[in-house]
Each structure stands twice: as C-alpha cells, then as structure tokens.
Amino acid sequence: MKKYFIYQDNQQVGPLTFEELQARNVGRETMVWFDGLAEWKKAGDLLELNDLFQSGPPPVPAGTYGAQGSGAQTNPGERPAYVPGNYGAGKPKNWLVESILVTLFCCLPFGIVAIVNAAKVDSRFATGDMDGAVQASAEAKKWTSISFFVGIGVSVLYLIYMGVMIGSMGGF
C-alpha cells in the first residue's frame, strides 16, 4: 500500500494512507511526496489523488504564496520545492557542538562564524522559517568543516616547521 507524506500547517506529516489523506482535508495546493516521486508536488497535480477533490474551491492562482508554498519559484520570497531529506524529521541539525569544538581546538575565526550560523538554526526554526533554518544549518556545516580542515592544515605545517627547526639544530 502506498504511503504519502504531506506538508500541512507548516509541518511534514506522514506516512499516511489514502484514507488518512481524505480525513485530513488535503487541498489541491497541499504539497505531497511518496516513494517514487523525485520531488514534492501539489496534490492537485497528481491524477491518483483527484478523488480527494470532488468538491471544493478552485486551485489557487499561480504565483500566490500560501502556507504550503508552490514548489516552483514564480515570485521572490516564495518557498523552493520541498525535498524529503531537508525537512524529513523536523528541525535541521544545528552543528552547535561541532562548531564549538572546532573553535576551541582547530581554528578560532572560522569556528566563530560556524557558531553564529549554528545559533541561527534554532531561532529560525522556532519562528517557523524552515527555509532559513535549513540554510543556516548548511552554512554552519560549511564553516565547521572549513574550520576543522584549516586547523588540521595549520597543525601539520607547524609540525613540519618544528621538525625542520629541530633537524637544523642537530637534534637533541
């Protein structure tokens, strides 16, 4: 039996059966995903869900931004297509612990940027800005990684330098 996921009331819900979709008053503009779909689609664009809309209002005109977002960006500020990996389990990873550790042990300047972005994840998620939270999570991950690898690179160069210095002094 096919299981559906929907994005309704600013949260992902699922897996749901077709009967459970009927009980949830899924509209034509509700974003839907199931195994086999490459990306989220409007329920009204899926022929297999047409039985859900036998009566009701007509589809919302293109370019209108509502609670569910349209999936295609036709207006500035409109939500991008929903991707199951981004919004699947709720709040995106904030990378706060990792960013603090790389700040302490690897590279202070880039680590601070990572901490700032990590802090944005929770605040944006709390205000319902899921796209902003996902973007802040990606930035926190990027700066945490940069800080880690810069710290490792500097440590390796320092060890090489110390080896050369000790070797030029004739050792101990």
C-alpha atoms as a PDB file:
ATOM      1  CA  MET A   1       0.000   0.000   0.000  1.00  0.00           C
ATOM      2  CA  LYS A   2       1.370   3.410  -0.961  1.00  0.00           C
ATOM      3  CA  LYS A   3       2.263   5.774   1.883  1.00  0.00           C
ATOM      4  CA  TYR A   4       2.058   9.539   1.403  1.00  0.00           C
ATOM      5  CA  PHE A   5       3.778  12.449   3.165  1.00  0.00           C
ATOM      6  CA  ILE A   6       2.193  15.898   3.169  1.00  0.00           C
ATOM      7  CA  TYR A   7       3.335  19.363   4.163  1.00  0.00           C
ATOM      8  CA  GLN A   8       0.404  20.896   6.018  1.00  0.00           C
ATOM      9  CA  ASP A   9       0.161  23.598   8.707  1.00  0.00           C
ATOM     10  CA  ASN A  10       3.902  24.296   8.354  1.00  0.00           C
ATOM     11  CA  GLN A  11       4.958  20.747   9.192  1.00  0.00           C
ATOM     12  CA  GLN A  12       5.585  17.471   7.433  1.00  0.00           C
ATOM     13  CA  VAL A  13       3.075  14.734   8.267  1.00  0.00           C
ATOM     14  CA  GLY A  14       3.261  11.079   7.313  1.00  0.00           C
ATOM     15  CA  PRO A  15       3.371   8.382   6.313  1.00  0.00           C
ATOM     16  CA  LEU A  16      -0.368   8.390   5.570  1.00  0.00           C
ATOM     17  CA  THR A  17      -2.672   6.078   3.633  1.00  0.00           C
ATOM     18  CA  PHE A  18      -5.063   7.433   1.001  1.00  0.00           C
ATOM     19  CA  GLU A  19      -7.918   7.153   3.515  1.00  0.00           C
ATOM     20  CA  GLU A  20      -5.929   9.182   6.064  1.00  0.00           C
ATOM     21  CA  LEU A  21      -5.347  11.842   3.390  1.00  0.00           C
ATOM     22  CA  GLN A  22      -9.124  12.101   2.922  1.00  0.00           C
ATOM     23  CA  ALA A  23      -9.586  12.630   6.670  1.00  0.00           C
ATOM     24  CA  ARG A  24      -7.013  15.457   6.703  1.00  0.00           C
ATOM     25  CA  ASN A  25      -8.831  17.676   4.175  1.00  0.00           C
ATOM     26  CA  VAL A  26      -5.917  17.734   1.767  1.00  0.00           C
ATOM     27  CA  GLY A  27      -6.345  20.554  -0.737  1.00  0.00           C
ATOM     28  CA  ARG A  28      -5.144  20.869  -4.311  1.00  0.00           C
ATOM     29  CA  GLU A  29      -2.268  23.125  -3.179  1.00  0.00           C
ATOM     30  CA  THR A  30      -1.085  20.795  -0.379  1.00  0.00           C
ATOM     31  CA  MET A  31       2.442  19.576  -1.084  1.00  0.00           C
ATOM     32  CA  VAL A  32       2.652  15.754  -1.327  1.00  0.00           C
ATOM     33  CA  TRP A  33       5.521  13.279  -1.642  1.00  0.00           C
ATOM     34  CA  PHE A  34       5.672   9.490  -1.790  1.00  0.00           C
ATOM     35  CA  ASP A  35       8.324   6.944  -2.643  1.00  0.00           C
ATOM     36  CA  GLY A  36       8.844   7.149  -6.389  1.00  0.00           C
ATOM     37  CA  LEU A  37       8.403  10.933  -6.715  1.00  0.00           C
ATOM     38  CA  ALA A  38      11.612  12.853  -7.379  1.00  0.00           C
ATOM     39  CA  GLU A  39      10.314  15.977  -5.613  1.00  0.00           C
ATOM     40  CA  TRP A  40       7.303  17.293  -3.707  1.00  0.00           C
ATOM     41  CA  LYS A  41       4.268  18.082  -5.868  1.00  0.00           C
ATOM     42  CA  LYS A  42       0.928  19.773  -5.375  1.00  0.00           C
ATOM     43  CA  ALA A  43      -1.770  17.216  -4.611  1.00  0.00           C
ATOM     44  CA  GLY A  44      -3.865  18.696  -7.436  1.00  0.00           C
ATOM     45  CA  ASP A  45      -1.121  17.825  -9.945  1.00  0.00           C
ATOM     46  CA  LEU A  46      -1.262  14.096  -9.108  1.00  0.00           C
ATOM     47  CA  LEU A  47      -4.001  12.221 -11.005  1.00  0.00           C
ATOM     48  CA  GLU A  48      -4.141   9.445  -8.405  1.00  0.00           C
ATOM     49  CA  LEU A  49      -5.286  11.977  -5.785  1.00  0.00           C
ATOM     50  CA  ASN A  50      -8.112  13.534  -7.845  1.00  0.00           C
ATOM     51  CA  ASP A  51     -10.723  11.661  -5.778  1.00  0.00           C
ATOM     52  CA  LEU A  52      -9.743  13.869  -2.831  1.00  0.00           C
ATOM     53  CA  PHE A  53     -11.104  16.999  -4.565  1.00  0.00           C
ATOM     54  CA  GLN A  54     -14.547  16.109  -5.861  1.00  0.00           C
ATOM     55  CA  SER A  55     -15.882  19.336  -4.465  1.00  0.00           C
ATOM     56  CA  GLY A  56     -14.264  22.466  -3.156  1.00  0.00           C
ATOM     57  CA  PRO A  57     -12.729  25.714  -4.268  1.00  0.00           C
ATOM     58  CA  PRO A  58     -10.750  26.033  -7.476  1.00  0.00           C
ATOM     59  CA  PRO A  59      -6.946  25.904  -7.373  1.00  0.00           C
ATOM     60  CA  VAL A  60      -5.108  28.958  -6.078  1.00  0.00           C
ATOM     61  CA  PRO A  61      -3.770  31.084  -8.967  1.00  0.00           C
ATOM     62  CA  ALA A  62      -0.114  30.585  -9.914  1.00  0.00           C
ATOM     63  CA  GLY A  63       2.277  32.869  -8.086  1.00  0.00           C
ATOM     64  CA  THR A  64       0.151  33.056  -4.929  1.00  0.00           C
ATOM     65  CA  TYR A  65       2.165  32.283  -1.835  1.00  0.00           C
ATOM     66  CA  GLY A  66       0.241  30.427   0.828  1.00  0.00           C
ATOM     67  CA  ALA A  67       1.071  28.276   3.848  1.00  0.00           C
ATOM     68  CA  GLN A  68       2.167  25.392   1.666  1.00  0.00           C
ATOM     69  CA  GLY A  69       4.341  27.150  -0.935  1.00  0.00           C
ATOM     70  CA  SER A  70       4.029  26.261  -4.580  1.00  0.00           C
ATOM     71  CA  GLY A  71       7.211  24.307  -5.187  1.00  0.00           C
ATOM     72  CA  ALA A  72       8.202  26.424  -8.208  1.00  0.00           C
ATOM     73  CA  GLN A  73       9.597  29.853  -7.610  1.00  0.00           C
ATOM     74  CA  THR A  74       7.453  32.280  -9.511  1.00  0.00           C
ATOM     75  CA  ASN A  75       7.708  35.200  -7.066  1.00  0.00           C
ATOM     76  CA  PRO A  76      10.603  36.460  -4.963  1.00  0.00           C
ATOM     77  CA  GLY A  77      10.391  35.112  -1.428  1.00  0.00           C
ATOM     78  CA  GLU A  78       8.378  32.067  -2.455  1.00  0.00           C
ATOM     79  CA  ARG A  79       9.437  28.757  -0.928  1.00  0.00           C
ATOM     80  CA  PRO A  80      11.550  26.389  -3.052  1.00  0.00           C
ATOM     81  CA  ALA A  81      10.492  22.811  -3.793  1.00  0.00           C
ATOM     82  CA  TYR A  82      10.320  20.664  -0.695  1.00  0.00           C
ATOM     83  CA  VAL A  83      12.935  17.924  -0.602  1.00  0.00           C
ATOM     84  CA  PRO A  84      12.352  14.994   1.752  1.00  0.00           C
ATOM     85  CA  GLY A  85      15.944  14.992   3.020  1.00  0.00           C
ATOM     86  CA  ASN A  86      15.784  18.626   4.100  1.00  0.00           C
ATOM     87  CA  TYR A  87      12.589  18.658   6.109  1.00  0.00           C
ATOM     88  CA  GLY A  88      12.087  14.984   6.891  1.00  0.00           C
ATOM     89  CA  ALA A  89      12.478  14.745  10.649  1.00  0.00           C
ATOM     90  CA  GLY A  90      11.659  18.279  11.742  1.00  0.00           C
ATOM     91  CA  LYS A  91      14.372  20.679  12.869  1.00  0.00           C
ATOM     92  CA  PRO A  92      17.594  20.554  10.820  1.00  0.00           C
ATOM     93  CA  LYS A  93      20.874  19.709  12.583  1.00  0.00           C
ATOM     94  CA  ASN A  94      22.298  22.832  14.183  1.00  0.00           C
ATOM     95  CA  TRP A  95      26.013  21.837  14.321  1.00  0.00           C
ATOM     96  CA  LEU A  96      26.454  23.767  17.581  1.00  0.00           C
ATOM     97  CA  VAL A  97      28.531  21.178  19.465  1.00  0.00           C
ATOM     98  CA  GLU A  98      30.782  20.566  16.478  1.00  0.00           C
ATOM     99  CA  SER A  99      31.261  24.285  15.835  1.00  0.00           C
ATOM    100  CA  ILE A 100      32.212  24.909  19.486  1.00  0.00           C
ATOM    101  CA  LEU A 101      34.731  22.045  19.393  1.00  0.00           C
ATOM    102  CA  VAL A 102      36.408  23.237  16.193  1.00  0.00           C
ATOM    103  CA  THR A 103      36.523  26.768  17.609  1.00  0.00           C
ATOM    104  CA  LEU A 104      38.318  25.533  20.718  1.00  0.00           C
ATOM    105  CA  PHE A 105      40.666  23.028  19.085  1.00  0.00           C
ATOM    106  CA  CYS A 106      41.128  23.992  15.448  1.00  0.00           C
ATOM    107  CA  CYS A 107      40.549  27.481  14.120  1.00  0.00           C
ATOM    108  CA  LEU A 108      39.067  30.307  16.187  1.00  0.00           C
ATOM    109  CA  PRO A 109      37.992  32.791  13.448  1.00  0.00           C
ATOM    110  CA  PHE A 110      36.143  30.300  11.216  1.00  0.00           C
ATOM    111  CA  GLY A 111      34.775  28.479  14.268  1.00  0.00           C
ATOM    112  CA  ILE A 112      33.097  31.660  15.455  1.00  0.00           C
ATOM    113  CA  VAL A 113      31.355  32.017  12.093  1.00  0.00           C
ATOM    114  CA  ALA A 114      30.216  28.395  12.457  1.00  0.00           C
ATOM    115  CA  ILE A 115      28.842  29.079  15.971  1.00  0.00           C
ATOM    116  CA  VAL A 116      26.905  32.137  14.750  1.00  0.00           C
ATOM    117  CA  ASN A 117      25.288  30.123  11.944  1.00  0.00           C
ATOM    118  CA  ALA A 118      24.596  27.196  14.286  1.00  0.00           C
ATOM    119  CA  ALA A 119      22.742  29.534  16.647  1.00  0.00           C
ATOM    120  CA  LYS A 120      20.589  30.789  13.767  1.00  0.00           C
ATOM    121  CA  VAL A 121      19.221  27.288  13.088  1.00  0.00           C
ATOM    122  CA  ASP A 122      17.217  27.033  16.319  1.00  0.00           C
ATOM    123  CA  SER A 123      15.959  30.609  16.254  1.00  0.00           C
ATOM    124  CA  ARG A 124      14.801  30.402  12.649  1.00  0.00           C
ATOM    125  CA  PHE A 125      13.153  27.033  13.219  1.00  0.00           C
ATOM    126  CA  ALA A 126      11.349  28.406  16.295  1.00  0.00           C
ATOM    127  CA  THR A 127       9.872  31.248  14.236  1.00  0.00           C
ATOM    128  CA  GLY A 128       8.684  28.860  11.522  1.00  0.00           C
ATOM    129  CA  ASP A 129      11.315  29.884   8.958  1.00  0.00           C
ATOM    130  CA  MET A 130      12.127  26.343   7.795  1.00  0.00           C
ATOM    131  CA  ASP A 131      13.981  27.516   4.691  1.00  0.00           C
ATOM    132  CA  GLY A 132      16.118  29.863   6.789  1.00  0.00           C
ATOM    133  CA  ALA A 133      16.832  27.090   9.301  1.00  0.00           C
ATOM    134  CA  VAL A 134      17.929  24.708   6.540  1.00  0.00           C
ATOM    135  CA  GLN A 135      20.140  27.403   5.014  1.00  0.00           C
ATOM    136  CA  ALA A 136      21.693  28.267   8.403  1.00  0.00           C
ATOM    137  CA  SER A 137      22.341  24.564   9.033  1.00  0.00           C
ATOM    138  CA  ALA A 138      24.134  24.261   5.698  1.00  0.00           C
ATOM    139  CA  GLU A 139      26.232  27.357   6.475  1.00  0.00           C
ATOM    140  CA  ALA A 140      27.088  26.057   9.957  1.00  0.00           C
ATOM    141  CA  LYS A 141      28.190  22.735   8.456  1.00  0.00           C
ATOM    142  CA  LYS A 142      30.284  24.510   5.815  1.00  0.00           C
ATOM    143  CA  TRP A 143      32.097  26.745   8.321  1.00  0.00           C
ATOM    144  CA  THR A 144      32.569  23.895  10.798  1.00  0.00           C
ATOM    145  CA  SER A 145      34.238  21.861   8.042  1.00  0.00           C
ATOM    146  CA  ILE A 146      36.390  24.780   6.902  1.00  0.00           C
ATOM    147  CA  SER A 147      37.497  25.445  10.472  1.00  0.00           C
ATOM    148  CA  PHE A 148      38.349  21.782  11.019  1.00  0.00           C
ATOM    149  CA  PHE A 149      40.424  21.416   7.864  1.00  0.00           C
ATOM    150  CA  VAL A 150      42.208  24.761   8.302  1.00  0.00           C
ATOM    151  CA  GLY A 151      43.055  23.729  11.870  1.00  0.00           C
ATOM    152  CA  ILE A 152      44.409  20.366  10.699  1.00  0.00           C
ATOM    153  CA  GLY A 153      46.402  22.042   7.907  1.00  0.00           C
ATOM    154  CA  VAL A 154      47.957  24.603  10.265  1.00  0.00           C
ATOM    155  CA  SER A 155      48.837  21.833  12.747  1.00  0.00           C
ATOM    156  CA  VAL A 156      50.538  19.773  10.045  1.00  0.00           C
ATOM    157  CA  LEU A 157      52.510  22.807   8.814  1.00  0.00           C
ATOM    158  CA  TYR A 158      53.529  23.604  12.408  1.00  0.00           C
ATOM    159  CA  LEU A 159      54.781  20.046  12.953  1.00  0.00           C
ATOM    160  CA  ILE A 160      56.763  20.173   9.711  1.00  0.00           C
ATOM    161  CA  TYR A 161      58.246  23.529  10.708  1.00  0.00           C
ATOM    162  CA  MET A 162      59.221  22.203  14.137  1.00  0.00           C
ATOM    163  CA  GLY A 163      60.778  19.113  12.558  1.00  0.00           C
ATOM    164  CA  VAL A 164      62.832  21.267  10.205  1.00  0.00           C
ATOM    165  CA  MET A 165      63.932  23.543  13.065  1.00  0.00           C
ATOM    166  CA  ILE A 166      64.964  20.631  15.287  1.00  0.00           C
ATOM    167  CA  GLY A 167      66.715  18.968  12.338  1.00  0.00           C
ATOM    168  CA  SER A 168      68.666  22.152  11.520  1.00  0.00           C
ATOM    169  CA  MET A 169      69.852  22.443  15.143  1.00  0.00           C
ATOM    170  CA  GLY A 170      71.276  18.944  15.055  1.00  0.00           C
ATOM    171  CA  GLY A 171      68.565  17.336  17.152  1.00  0.00           C
ATOM    172  CA  PHE A 172      68.765  16.732  20.851  1.00  0.00           C
END
